Amino acid sequence: MANQLKLEDILAAMNDTARKNYALTELLAQAFSAFVVSTDNKKAVADFIKSTSSSEQMADAHKHAQTALLKILDSVEVIPTQKH
């Protein structure tokens, strides 16, 4: 059975996939937050995020997602463009 995968290889592939998915999710949250801030909807979206909920089984994960998204939203600032 020379074609059998090693556990380390499987875990490394899963880790790589999880990291890439996290990075994509974080980038999407940053882009979304930049759009929200630039359209002056930060408070409305933050209030909406705070009001959301999930099933009991997902409560901890949902709370983590709320906290992360609110933190990203709060970190975004619009940089005024300079006129020449």
N, C-alpha and C. Protein backbone atom coordinates (compact mmCIF):
# COMPACT_ATOMS: atom_id res chain seq x y z
N MET A 1 0.83 -1.19 0.00
CA MET A 1 0.00 0.00 0.00
C MET A 1 0.88 1.25 0.00
N ALA A 2 1.65 1.42 -1.01
CA ALA A 2 2.56 2.55 -1.13
C ALA A 2 1.80 3.85 -1.39
N ASN A 3 0.58 3.78 -1.89
CA ASN A 3 -0.20 4.97 -2.21
C ASN A 3 -0.95 5.54 -1.01
N GLN A 4 -0.81 4.94 0.13
CA GLN A 4 -1.53 5.40 1.32
C GLN A 4 -0.93 6.72 1.81
N LEU A 5 -1.80 7.68 2.12
CA LEU A 5 -1.35 8.98 2.60
C LEU A 5 -0.96 8.91 4.07
N LYS A 6 0.03 9.70 4.41
CA LYS A 6 0.45 9.78 5.81
C LYS A 6 -0.45 10.77 6.54
N LEU A 7 -0.68 10.51 7.80
CA LEU A 7 -1.51 11.40 8.61
C LEU A 7 -0.96 12.82 8.61
N GLU A 8 0.34 12.97 8.68
CA GLU A 8 0.97 14.30 8.68
C GLU A 8 0.65 15.07 7.40
N ASP A 9 0.65 14.35 6.27
CA ASP A 9 0.34 14.99 4.99
C ASP A 9 -1.13 15.44 4.94
N ILE A 10 -2.01 14.60 5.45
CA ILE A 10 -3.43 14.94 5.49
C ILE A 10 -3.66 16.16 6.39
N LEU A 11 -3.04 16.16 7.56
CA LEU A 11 -3.19 17.29 8.48
C LEU A 11 -2.59 18.56 7.90
N ALA A 12 -1.47 18.45 7.21
CA ALA A 12 -0.84 19.62 6.59
C ALA A 12 -1.75 20.20 5.50
N ALA A 13 -2.37 19.34 4.72
CA ALA A 13 -3.28 19.80 3.68
C ALA A 13 -4.52 20.46 4.29
N MET A 14 -5.05 19.88 5.36
CA MET A 14 -6.21 20.47 6.04
C MET A 14 -5.84 21.82 6.65
N ASN A 15 -4.67 21.92 7.23
CA ASN A 15 -4.21 23.17 7.83
C ASN A 15 -4.06 24.25 6.76
N ASP A 16 -3.48 23.88 5.62
CA ASP A 16 -3.31 24.82 4.52
C ASP A 16 -4.65 25.32 4.02
N THR A 17 -5.61 24.42 3.88
CA THR A 17 -6.95 24.79 3.43
C THR A 17 -7.64 25.70 4.44
N ALA A 18 -7.52 25.37 5.71
CA ALA A 18 -8.14 26.20 6.76
C ALA A 18 -7.53 27.60 6.78
N ARG A 19 -6.23 27.70 6.64
CA ARG A 19 -5.56 29.01 6.61
C ARG A 19 -6.01 29.84 5.41
N LYS A 20 -6.10 29.20 4.26
CA LYS A 20 -6.53 29.92 3.06
C LYS A 20 -7.98 30.37 3.19
N ASN A 21 -8.85 29.53 3.74
CA ASN A 21 -10.24 29.91 3.94
C ASN A 21 -10.36 31.06 4.94
N TYR A 22 -9.56 31.02 6.02
CA TYR A 22 -9.59 32.09 7.00
C TYR A 22 -9.13 33.40 6.36
N ALA A 23 -8.04 33.34 5.59
CA ALA A 23 -7.52 34.55 4.94
C ALA A 23 -8.55 35.14 3.98
N LEU A 24 -9.23 34.28 3.24
CA LEU A 24 -10.26 34.76 2.31
C LEU A 24 -11.41 35.40 3.08
N THR A 25 -11.85 34.77 4.14
CA THR A 25 -12.93 35.32 4.96
C THR A 25 -12.54 36.67 5.55
N GLU A 26 -11.31 36.76 6.04
CA GLU A 26 -10.83 38.02 6.62
C GLU A 26 -10.76 39.12 5.56
N LEU A 27 -10.25 38.79 4.38
CA LEU A 27 -10.17 39.77 3.30
C LEU A 27 -11.57 40.23 2.87
N LEU A 28 -12.50 39.31 2.77
CA LEU A 28 -13.88 39.68 2.44
C LEU A 28 -14.48 40.60 3.50
N ALA A 29 -14.21 40.31 4.77
CA ALA A 29 -14.71 41.16 5.85
C ALA A 29 -14.10 42.56 5.78
N GLN A 30 -12.82 42.63 5.43
CA GLN A 30 -12.16 43.94 5.29
C GLN A 30 -12.75 44.72 4.13
N ALA A 31 -12.95 44.06 2.99
CA ALA A 31 -13.53 44.73 1.82
C ALA A 31 -14.96 45.19 2.12
N PHE A 32 -15.74 44.31 2.74
CA PHE A 32 -17.10 44.66 3.13
C PHE A 32 -17.11 45.86 4.07
N SER A 33 -16.22 45.84 5.05
CA SER A 33 -16.15 46.93 6.03
C SER A 33 -15.74 48.24 5.36
N ALA A 34 -14.81 48.18 4.43
CA ALA A 34 -14.40 49.39 3.71
C ALA A 34 -15.57 49.98 2.94
N PHE A 35 -16.36 49.12 2.30
CA PHE A 35 -17.55 49.58 1.59
C PHE A 35 -18.56 50.21 2.55
N VAL A 36 -18.80 49.54 3.67
CA VAL A 36 -19.76 50.04 4.65
C VAL A 36 -19.34 51.40 5.19
N VAL A 37 -18.07 51.53 5.53
CA VAL A 37 -17.57 52.80 6.08
C VAL A 37 -17.64 53.89 5.01
N SER A 38 -17.23 53.57 3.79
CA SER A 38 -17.21 54.59 2.74
C SER A 38 -18.61 55.06 2.35
N THR A 39 -19.62 54.25 2.61
CA THR A 39 -21.01 54.65 2.32
C THR A 39 -21.71 55.21 3.55
N ASP A 40 -20.95 55.41 4.61
CA ASP A 40 -21.45 56.00 5.86
C ASP A 40 -22.58 55.17 6.50
N ASN A 41 -22.41 53.86 6.46
CA ASN A 41 -23.39 52.96 7.06
C ASN A 41 -22.82 52.15 8.22
N LYS A 42 -21.72 52.61 8.80
CA LYS A 42 -21.02 51.85 9.83
C LYS A 42 -21.91 51.56 11.04
N LYS A 43 -22.59 52.57 11.55
CA LYS A 43 -23.41 52.36 12.74
C LYS A 43 -24.57 51.40 12.47
N ALA A 44 -25.23 51.57 11.34
CA ALA A 44 -26.37 50.70 11.01
C ALA A 44 -25.93 49.25 10.87
N VAL A 45 -24.80 49.02 10.21
CA VAL A 45 -24.32 47.65 10.02
C VAL A 45 -23.83 47.07 11.34
N ALA A 46 -23.15 47.87 12.16
CA ALA A 46 -22.69 47.40 13.47
C ALA A 46 -23.90 47.02 14.34
N ASP A 47 -24.93 47.84 14.31
CA ASP A 47 -26.14 47.52 15.08
C ASP A 47 -26.78 46.23 14.58
N PHE A 48 -26.81 46.04 13.27
CA PHE A 48 -27.35 44.82 12.71
C PHE A 48 -26.54 43.60 13.16
N ILE A 49 -25.23 43.69 13.06
CA ILE A 49 -24.36 42.57 13.46
C ILE A 49 -24.60 42.22 14.92
N LYS A 50 -24.71 43.22 15.77
CA LYS A 50 -24.93 43.00 17.20
C LYS A 50 -26.29 42.34 17.47
N SER A 51 -27.25 42.56 16.59
CA SER A 51 -28.61 42.04 16.81
C SER A 51 -28.79 40.62 16.28
N THR A 52 -27.82 40.10 15.56
CA THR A 52 -27.98 38.77 14.96
C THR A 52 -27.76 37.67 15.98
N SER A 53 -28.28 36.49 15.64
CA SER A 53 -28.08 35.32 16.49
C SER A 53 -28.04 34.09 15.61
N SER A 54 -27.72 32.97 16.22
CA SER A 54 -27.65 31.71 15.51
C SER A 54 -28.25 30.63 16.38
N SER A 55 -28.22 29.41 15.89
CA SER A 55 -28.75 28.31 16.69
C SER A 55 -27.88 28.10 17.93
N GLU A 56 -28.44 27.44 18.92
CA GLU A 56 -27.71 27.19 20.16
C GLU A 56 -26.40 26.44 19.88
N GLN A 57 -26.44 25.53 18.93
CA GLN A 57 -25.26 24.75 18.58
C GLN A 57 -24.15 25.62 18.00
N MET A 58 -24.50 26.72 17.38
CA MET A 58 -23.53 27.62 16.74
C MET A 58 -23.27 28.88 17.55
N ALA A 59 -23.80 28.98 18.75
CA ALA A 59 -23.74 30.22 19.52
C ALA A 59 -22.31 30.71 19.76
N ASP A 60 -21.41 29.83 20.16
CA ASP A 60 -20.04 30.26 20.41
C ASP A 60 -19.35 30.72 19.14
N ALA A 61 -19.54 29.97 18.06
CA ALA A 61 -18.93 30.35 16.77
C ALA A 61 -19.53 31.66 16.27
N HIS A 62 -20.83 31.85 16.47
CA HIS A 62 -21.49 33.08 16.03
C HIS A 62 -20.96 34.28 16.82
N LYS A 63 -20.81 34.12 18.11
CA LYS A 63 -20.28 35.20 18.94
C LYS A 63 -18.86 35.57 18.49
N HIS A 64 -18.05 34.56 18.18
CA HIS A 64 -16.70 34.82 17.67
C HIS A 64 -16.78 35.61 16.36
N ALA A 65 -17.67 35.20 15.46
CA ALA A 65 -17.81 35.89 14.18
C ALA A 65 -18.27 37.33 14.37
N GLN A 66 -19.22 37.55 15.26
CA GLN A 66 -19.68 38.91 15.55
C GLN A 66 -18.52 39.77 16.04
N THR A 67 -17.79 39.26 17.01
CA THR A 67 -16.67 40.01 17.59
C THR A 67 -15.63 40.33 16.54
N ALA A 68 -15.27 39.34 15.73
CA ALA A 68 -14.26 39.54 14.70
C ALA A 68 -14.71 40.57 13.67
N LEU A 69 -15.94 40.45 13.21
CA LEU A 69 -16.44 41.38 12.19
C LEU A 69 -16.58 42.80 12.75
N LEU A 70 -17.05 42.93 13.97
CA LEU A 70 -17.14 44.26 14.57
C LEU A 70 -15.76 44.89 14.77
N LYS A 71 -14.78 44.06 15.12
CA LYS A 71 -13.41 44.56 15.29
C LYS A 71 -12.85 45.04 13.96
N ILE A 72 -13.06 44.27 12.91
CA ILE A 72 -12.60 44.69 11.58
C ILE A 72 -13.33 45.94 11.14
N LEU A 73 -14.64 45.98 11.32
CA LEU A 73 -15.43 47.14 10.94
C LEU A 73 -14.95 48.38 11.67
N ASP A 74 -14.64 48.24 12.93
CA ASP A 74 -14.18 49.37 13.72
C ASP A 74 -12.78 49.84 13.31
N SER A 75 -11.98 48.96 12.72
CA SER A 75 -10.61 49.32 12.37
C SER A 75 -10.51 50.05 11.03
N VAL A 76 -11.57 50.03 10.24
CA VAL A 76 -11.53 50.65 8.91
C VAL A 76 -11.80 52.14 9.01
N GLU A 77 -10.95 52.90 8.34
CA GLU A 77 -11.13 54.35 8.26
C GLU A 77 -11.04 54.77 6.81
N VAL A 78 -11.81 55.76 6.45
CA VAL A 78 -11.74 56.30 5.09
C VAL A 78 -10.62 57.33 5.05
N ILE A 79 -9.73 57.12 4.12
CA ILE A 79 -8.62 58.08 3.95
C ILE A 79 -9.06 59.06 2.87
N PRO A 80 -9.17 60.33 3.22
CA PRO A 80 -9.62 61.30 2.23
C PRO A 80 -8.61 61.40 1.08
N THR A 81 -9.14 61.53 -0.11
CA THR A 81 -8.26 61.70 -1.26
C THR A 81 -7.79 63.14 -1.32
N GLN A 82 -6.57 63.32 -1.75
CA GLN A 82 -6.02 64.68 -1.86
C GLN A 82 -6.32 65.23 -3.25
N LYS A 83 -6.74 66.46 -3.28
CA LYS A 83 -7.00 67.13 -4.56
C LYS A 83 -5.71 67.77 -5.03
N HIS A 84 -5.47 67.65 -6.32
CA HIS A 84 -4.24 68.23 -6.90
C HIS A 84 -4.49 69.60 -7.43
